[in-house]
N, C-alpha and C. Protein backbone atom coordinates (compact mmCIF):
# COMPACT_ATOMS: atom_id res chain seq x y z
N MET A 1 -171.96 34.57 171.51
CA MET A 1 -172.72 33.92 170.61
C MET A 1 -172.53 32.34 171.15
N SER A 2 -173.46 31.37 170.87
CA SER A 2 -173.12 30.02 171.46
C SER A 2 -172.37 29.64 170.34
N ALA A 3 -172.03 27.85 170.35
CA ALA A 3 -171.43 27.52 169.46
C ALA A 3 -172.45 27.10 168.63
N THR A 4 -173.43 26.62 168.75
CA THR A 4 -174.73 26.25 167.61
C THR A 4 -174.52 27.79 167.06
N ALA A 5 -174.82 29.11 167.10
CA ALA A 5 -175.22 29.99 167.24
C ALA A 5 -174.11 30.39 166.08
N ARG A 6 -172.64 30.06 166.73
CA ARG A 6 -171.78 30.52 165.25
C ARG A 6 -171.60 29.37 164.26
N TRP A 7 -171.96 28.12 163.81
CA TRP A 7 -172.38 27.51 163.22
C TRP A 7 -173.48 27.88 162.45
N THR A 8 -174.81 28.21 162.63
CA THR A 8 -175.81 28.32 162.33
C THR A 8 -176.02 29.71 161.75
N TYR A 9 -175.96 30.83 162.48
CA TYR A 9 -176.08 31.88 162.25
C TYR A 9 -174.90 32.88 161.35
N THR A 10 -174.87 32.15 160.17
CA THR A 10 -173.80 32.78 159.61
C THR A 10 -174.53 34.12 158.57
N HIS A 11 -175.47 34.55 158.86
CA HIS A 11 -175.77 35.82 157.56
C HIS A 11 -176.03 36.86 158.61
N GLN A 12 -176.45 38.27 157.93
CA GLN A 12 -176.77 39.08 158.84
C GLN A 12 -178.15 39.76 158.68
N ALA A 13 -178.67 40.78 159.45
CA ALA A 13 -179.95 41.30 159.26
C ALA A 13 -180.02 42.51 159.99
N THR A 14 -180.41 43.65 159.54
CA THR A 14 -180.44 44.78 160.13
C THR A 14 -181.89 44.95 160.42
N LEU A 15 -181.82 46.08 161.65
CA LEU A 15 -183.17 45.83 162.43
C LEU A 15 -183.24 47.20 162.88
N TRP A 16 -184.35 47.61 163.06
CA TRP A 16 -184.63 49.18 163.47
C TRP A 16 -185.73 49.39 164.29
N LEU A 17 -185.42 49.25 166.03
CA LEU A 17 -186.53 48.88 167.18
C LEU A 17 -187.73 50.62 167.06
N GLN A 18 -188.72 50.11 166.95
CA GLN A 18 -189.35 51.13 167.42
C GLN A 18 -189.08 52.06 168.82
N ALA A 19 -188.88 53.37 168.99
CA ALA A 19 -188.75 53.98 169.90
C ALA A 19 -189.63 54.46 171.15
N GLY A 20 -190.54 53.85 170.88
CA GLY A 20 -191.83 54.30 171.62
C GLY A 20 -192.38 55.63 171.54
N LYS A 21 -191.99 56.38 170.24
CA LYS A 21 -192.49 57.73 170.11
C LYS A 21 -192.94 57.95 168.44
N ARG A 22 -193.70 58.83 168.35
CA ARG A 22 -194.08 59.13 167.05
C ARG A 22 -193.55 60.76 166.70
N ASP A 23 -192.96 60.88 165.35
CA ASP A 23 -192.78 62.09 164.70
C ASP A 23 -194.28 63.01 165.25
N PRO A 24 -193.76 64.32 165.95
CA PRO A 24 -194.92 65.15 166.25
C PRO A 24 -195.55 65.65 165.06
N TYR A 25 -195.13 65.80 163.56
CA TYR A 25 -195.87 66.10 162.56
C TYR A 25 -196.08 65.02 161.95
N THR A 26 -195.81 64.20 161.46
CA THR A 26 -196.44 63.21 160.88
C THR A 26 -196.85 62.14 161.61
N ARG A 27 -196.85 61.69 162.95
CA ARG A 27 -197.32 61.16 163.59
C ARG A 27 -197.23 59.58 163.17
N GLU A 28 -195.85 59.22 162.70
CA GLU A 28 -195.19 57.84 161.79
C GLU A 28 -194.35 58.00 163.25
N PRO A 29 -194.38 56.50 163.46
CA PRO A 29 -193.69 56.01 164.65
C PRO A 29 -192.06 56.23 164.10
N LEU A 30 -191.39 56.31 165.53
CA LEU A 30 -189.54 56.79 165.44
C LEU A 30 -189.09 55.57 165.57
N PHE A 31 -187.52 55.27 165.12
CA PHE A 31 -187.04 53.94 165.33
C PHE A 31 -185.63 54.03 165.84
N THR A 32 -185.54 53.31 166.54
CA THR A 32 -183.69 53.53 167.06
C THR A 32 -183.01 52.33 165.70
N GLY A 33 -181.58 52.60 165.80
CA GLY A 33 -180.91 51.40 164.92
C GLY A 33 -180.57 52.88 163.87
N PRO A 34 -179.37 51.69 162.84
CA PRO A 34 -179.99 50.64 163.14
C PRO A 34 -179.06 49.33 163.72
N HIS A 35 -179.60 48.10 163.64
CA HIS A 35 -178.87 47.07 164.56
C HIS A 35 -178.54 45.96 163.68
N VAL A 36 -177.38 45.60 163.59
CA VAL A 36 -177.24 44.43 162.52
C VAL A 36 -176.86 43.25 163.65
N ILE A 37 -177.80 41.90 163.38
CA ILE A 37 -177.14 40.72 164.14
C ILE A 37 -176.89 39.64 163.23
N ALA A 38 -176.33 38.78 163.72
CA ALA A 38 -176.18 37.52 163.01
C ALA A 38 -177.73 36.60 163.18
N CYS A 39 -177.77 36.02 161.91
CA CYS A 39 -178.89 35.05 161.92
C CYS A 39 -178.98 34.17 160.79
N THR A 40 -180.08 33.32 160.62
CA THR A 40 -180.17 32.58 159.29
C THR A 40 -181.52 33.06 158.93
N PHE A 41 -181.86 32.76 157.50
CA PHE A 41 -183.35 33.00 157.17
C PHE A 41 -183.96 32.11 156.07
N LYS A 42 -185.35 32.46 156.09
CA LYS A 42 -185.60 31.47 154.77
C LYS A 42 -187.12 32.42 154.07
N ASN A 43 -186.90 32.26 152.75
CA ASN A 43 -188.09 33.22 152.52
C ASN A 43 -189.42 32.09 152.69
N MET A 44 -190.57 32.85 153.38
CA MET A 44 -192.15 32.20 153.46
C MET A 44 -191.93 31.48 154.51
N GLY A 45 -192.63 30.77 155.18
CA GLY A 45 -192.99 30.01 156.31
C GLY A 45 -194.66 29.30 156.38
N GLU A 46 -194.33 29.06 157.57
CA GLU A 46 -195.57 28.41 157.77
C GLU A 46 -196.90 29.23 158.48
N THR A 47 -197.64 29.00 158.22
CA THR A 47 -199.27 29.98 158.58
C THR A 47 -198.96 30.62 160.12
N GLN A 48 -198.78 32.13 160.55
CA GLN A 48 -198.54 31.89 161.83
C GLN A 48 -199.82 32.85 162.33
N THR A 49 -199.57 33.12 163.60
CA THR A 49 -201.30 34.43 164.03
C THR A 49 -200.19 35.45 164.80
N ASP A 50 -200.83 36.66 164.60
CA ASP A 50 -200.26 37.66 164.96
C ASP A 50 -200.38 38.22 166.37
N ASP A 51 -200.09 39.28 167.22
CA ASP A 51 -200.80 39.49 168.46
C ASP A 51 -202.09 40.18 168.22
N SER A 52 -202.27 40.27 167.35
CA SER A 52 -204.31 40.61 166.92
C SER A 52 -204.94 39.68 166.43
N GLY A 53 -203.99 38.58 166.40
CA GLY A 53 -205.42 37.12 166.31
C GLY A 53 -205.02 37.08 164.54
N GLN A 54 -205.07 38.15 163.91
CA GLN A 54 -204.79 37.34 162.50
C GLN A 54 -203.89 36.32 161.83
N GLN A 55 -204.34 35.80 160.96
CA GLN A 55 -203.42 34.85 160.52
C GLN A 55 -202.73 35.43 158.64
N PHE A 56 -201.63 34.93 158.97
CA PHE A 56 -200.54 35.48 157.96
C PHE A 56 -199.54 34.48 157.42
N VAL A 57 -199.16 34.18 156.13
CA VAL A 57 -198.21 33.69 155.75
C VAL A 57 -196.58 34.60 155.70
N PRO A 58 -195.72 34.24 156.53
CA PRO A 58 -194.57 35.37 156.60
C PRO A 58 -193.88 35.34 155.17
N ARG A 59 -193.53 36.37 155.11
CA ARG A 59 -192.36 36.85 153.81
C ARG A 59 -191.20 36.20 154.02
N ASP A 60 -190.67 36.32 155.22
CA ASP A 60 -189.32 35.95 155.83
C ASP A 60 -189.34 35.37 157.35
N THR A 61 -188.80 34.40 157.32
CA THR A 61 -188.44 33.36 159.26
C THR A 61 -186.94 33.74 159.27
N VAL A 62 -186.82 34.34 160.34
CA VAL A 62 -185.31 34.99 160.77
C VAL A 62 -185.05 34.20 161.85
N TRP A 63 -184.02 33.16 162.31
CA TRP A 63 -183.84 32.66 163.08
C TRP A 63 -182.52 33.63 164.03
N HIS A 64 -182.40 33.67 165.13
CA HIS A 64 -181.29 34.93 165.89
C HIS A 64 -180.71 34.49 166.79
N GLU A 65 -180.04 34.86 167.76
CA GLU A 65 -179.80 34.69 168.95
C GLU A 65 -179.62 36.05 169.94
N SER A 66 -179.88 37.08 169.25
CA SER A 66 -179.77 38.71 169.53
C SER A 66 -180.60 38.89 170.98
N PRO A 67 -180.00 39.85 171.60
CA PRO A 67 -180.22 40.10 173.22
C PRO A 67 -181.46 41.22 173.27
N LEU A 68 -181.29 41.81 171.93
CA LEU A 68 -182.32 43.07 171.41
C LEU A 68 -183.76 43.03 171.75
N PRO A 69 -184.24 43.69 172.32
CA PRO A 69 -185.77 43.33 173.04
C PRO A 69 -186.90 43.60 171.54
N ILE A 70 -186.46 42.63 170.69
CA ILE A 70 -187.26 42.89 169.30
C ILE A 70 -188.39 42.37 169.36
N GLN A 71 -189.60 43.19 168.93
CA GLN A 71 -190.86 43.10 169.09
C GLN A 71 -192.10 43.10 167.50
N SER A 72 -192.93 43.12 167.70
CA SER A 72 -193.78 43.26 166.73
C SER A 72 -193.87 44.51 166.35
N GLY A 73 -193.86 45.16 165.16
CA GLY A 73 -193.72 46.25 164.98
C GLY A 73 -192.37 46.92 164.71
N ASP A 74 -191.43 46.49 164.72
CA ASP A 74 -189.97 46.33 164.64
C ASP A 74 -189.86 46.36 163.14
N ARG A 75 -188.59 46.79 162.23
CA ARG A 75 -188.41 47.20 161.10
C ARG A 75 -187.53 46.04 160.46
N ILE A 76 -187.37 45.07 159.72
CA ILE A 76 -186.02 44.25 159.65
C ILE A 76 -185.63 44.58 157.75
N VAL A 77 -184.53 44.28 157.46
CA VAL A 77 -183.70 43.75 156.22
C VAL A 77 -183.15 42.79 156.10
N ILE A 78 -182.97 41.74 155.52
CA ILE A 78 -181.99 40.77 155.32
C ILE A 78 -180.67 41.46 154.64
N GLY A 79 -179.53 41.01 155.20
CA GLY A 79 -178.09 42.19 155.15
C GLY A 79 -177.80 42.78 156.31
N ALA A 80 -176.73 43.62 155.89
CA ALA A 80 -176.14 45.02 156.66
C ALA A 80 -176.40 45.85 155.93
N ALA A 81 -177.20 46.94 156.46
CA ALA A 81 -177.51 48.43 156.05
C ALA A 81 -177.16 49.35 156.95
N LEU A 82 -176.25 49.02 157.45
CA LEU A 82 -175.56 50.44 158.36
C LEU A 82 -175.83 52.02 157.80
N GLU A 83 -176.15 51.97 156.46
CA GLU A 83 -176.01 53.45 156.23
C GLU A 83 -177.77 53.88 156.22
N ASP A 84 -178.80 53.39 156.71
CA ASP A 84 -179.88 54.17 156.80
C ASP A 84 -180.21 54.42 158.43
N GLU A 85 -180.34 55.27 158.60
CA GLU A 85 -180.67 55.87 160.09
C GLU A 85 -181.69 55.34 160.28
N VAL A 86 -182.68 55.34 159.28
CA VAL A 86 -184.64 54.91 159.75
C VAL A 86 -184.96 53.85 158.77
N PRO A 87 -185.51 53.25 158.88
CA PRO A 87 -185.93 52.18 158.26
C PRO A 87 -186.29 52.13 156.68
N PRO A 88 -185.43 51.92 155.97
CA PRO A 88 -185.66 52.00 154.32
C PRO A 88 -187.10 51.37 153.79
N ALA A 89 -187.62 52.00 152.57
CA ALA A 89 -188.62 51.23 151.97
C ALA A 89 -188.92 49.73 151.74
N THR A 90 -187.66 49.48 151.80
CA THR A 90 -187.50 47.79 151.72
C THR A 90 -187.63 47.06 152.98
N ALA A 91 -187.45 47.32 154.34
CA ALA A 91 -187.71 46.92 155.62
C ALA A 91 -188.99 46.21 155.28
N LYS A 92 -188.98 45.49 156.14
CA LYS A 92 -190.57 44.44 156.32
C LYS A 92 -190.73 44.60 157.84
N THR A 93 -192.07 44.86 158.06
CA THR A 93 -192.75 45.07 159.42
C THR A 93 -192.42 43.23 160.03
N ILE A 94 -192.17 43.38 161.29
CA ILE A 94 -191.74 42.21 162.03
C ILE A 94 -193.30 42.30 162.63
N LYS A 95 -193.99 40.57 162.35
CA LYS A 95 -195.52 40.79 162.69
C LYS A 95 -195.61 39.63 164.06
N LYS A 96 -194.57 39.00 164.33
CA LYS A 96 -194.39 38.06 165.12
C LYS A 96 -193.00 37.88 165.73
N VAL A 97 -192.54 37.30 166.81
CA VAL A 97 -191.91 37.01 167.88
C VAL A 97 -191.89 35.73 168.60
N GLY A 98 -190.88 35.23 168.71
CA GLY A 98 -190.98 33.74 169.26
C GLY A 98 -189.71 33.33 169.55
N ALA A 99 -189.95 32.32 170.50
CA ALA A 99 -188.58 31.87 171.40
C ALA A 99 -188.38 30.18 171.77
N TRP A 100 -187.35 29.83 171.79
CA TRP A 100 -187.16 28.47 172.47
C TRP A 100 -185.89 28.29 173.17
N ASP A 101 -186.34 27.39 173.95
CA ASP A 101 -185.61 27.19 174.88
C ASP A 101 -184.14 26.02 174.55
N MET A 102 -183.04 26.46 174.76
CA MET A 102 -181.61 25.71 174.47
C MET A 102 -181.09 25.39 175.67
N SER A 103 -181.70 25.57 177.02
CA SER A 103 -180.88 24.74 177.72
C SER A 103 -180.33 23.37 178.13
N PRO A 104 -180.79 22.63 177.27
CA PRO A 104 -180.56 21.37 176.95
C PRO A 104 -178.95 21.34 176.52
N PHE A 105 -178.80 22.60 175.97
CA PHE A 105 -177.30 22.17 174.88
C PHE A 105 -176.52 23.45 175.94
N GLY A 106 -177.22 23.80 177.14
CA GLY A 106 -176.09 24.61 177.65
C GLY A 106 -176.20 25.86 177.47
N GLU A 107 -177.23 26.34 176.75
CA GLU A 107 -177.25 27.89 176.01
C GLU A 107 -178.16 28.48 176.04
N GLU A 108 -178.26 29.73 175.92
CA GLU A 108 -179.11 30.79 176.05
C GLU A 108 -180.15 30.63 175.00
N PRO A 109 -181.59 31.32 175.60
CA PRO A 109 -182.61 30.94 174.33
C PRO A 109 -182.19 31.92 172.62
N ASP A 110 -182.67 31.16 171.94
CA ASP A 110 -182.77 31.64 170.33
C ASP A 110 -184.22 31.84 170.34
N PHE A 111 -184.11 32.83 169.55
CA PHE A 111 -185.73 33.51 168.85
C PHE A 111 -185.50 33.59 167.37
N VAL A 112 -186.99 33.46 167.05
CA VAL A 112 -187.24 33.41 165.77
C VAL A 112 -188.38 34.66 165.48
N LEU A 113 -188.38 35.17 164.18
CA LEU A 113 -188.97 36.29 164.08
C LEU A 113 -189.68 36.01 162.82
N PHE A 114 -191.34 36.71 162.58
CA PHE A 114 -191.87 36.44 161.15
C PHE A 114 -191.74 37.88 160.51
N THR A 115 -192.01 38.06 159.23
CA THR A 115 -192.42 39.10 158.79
C THR A 115 -193.55 39.38 157.92
């Protein structure tokens, strides 16, 4: 974790990543996880446009430095939730993922996700 991230990302969030498969009976997506990441967050955020071109106002905006391959459709809960093998009902769907260059500070990229 970079020096900036150690100072900034003092909270935790739990992620469940899409496994790329569906349950053969329910056809619901299957997930891997839980994965706990260091982050910081705020409720709400500026209007965003998702991958399908639909505008939305995020319920949560989460900044992190995790190298996990997080993508739209994954699920997230603010806080550590290691007891749940599958995303709980309170998990929010990630609608958009972004990144920004931190090389001016000699650091790896940081990421943002919107639910």
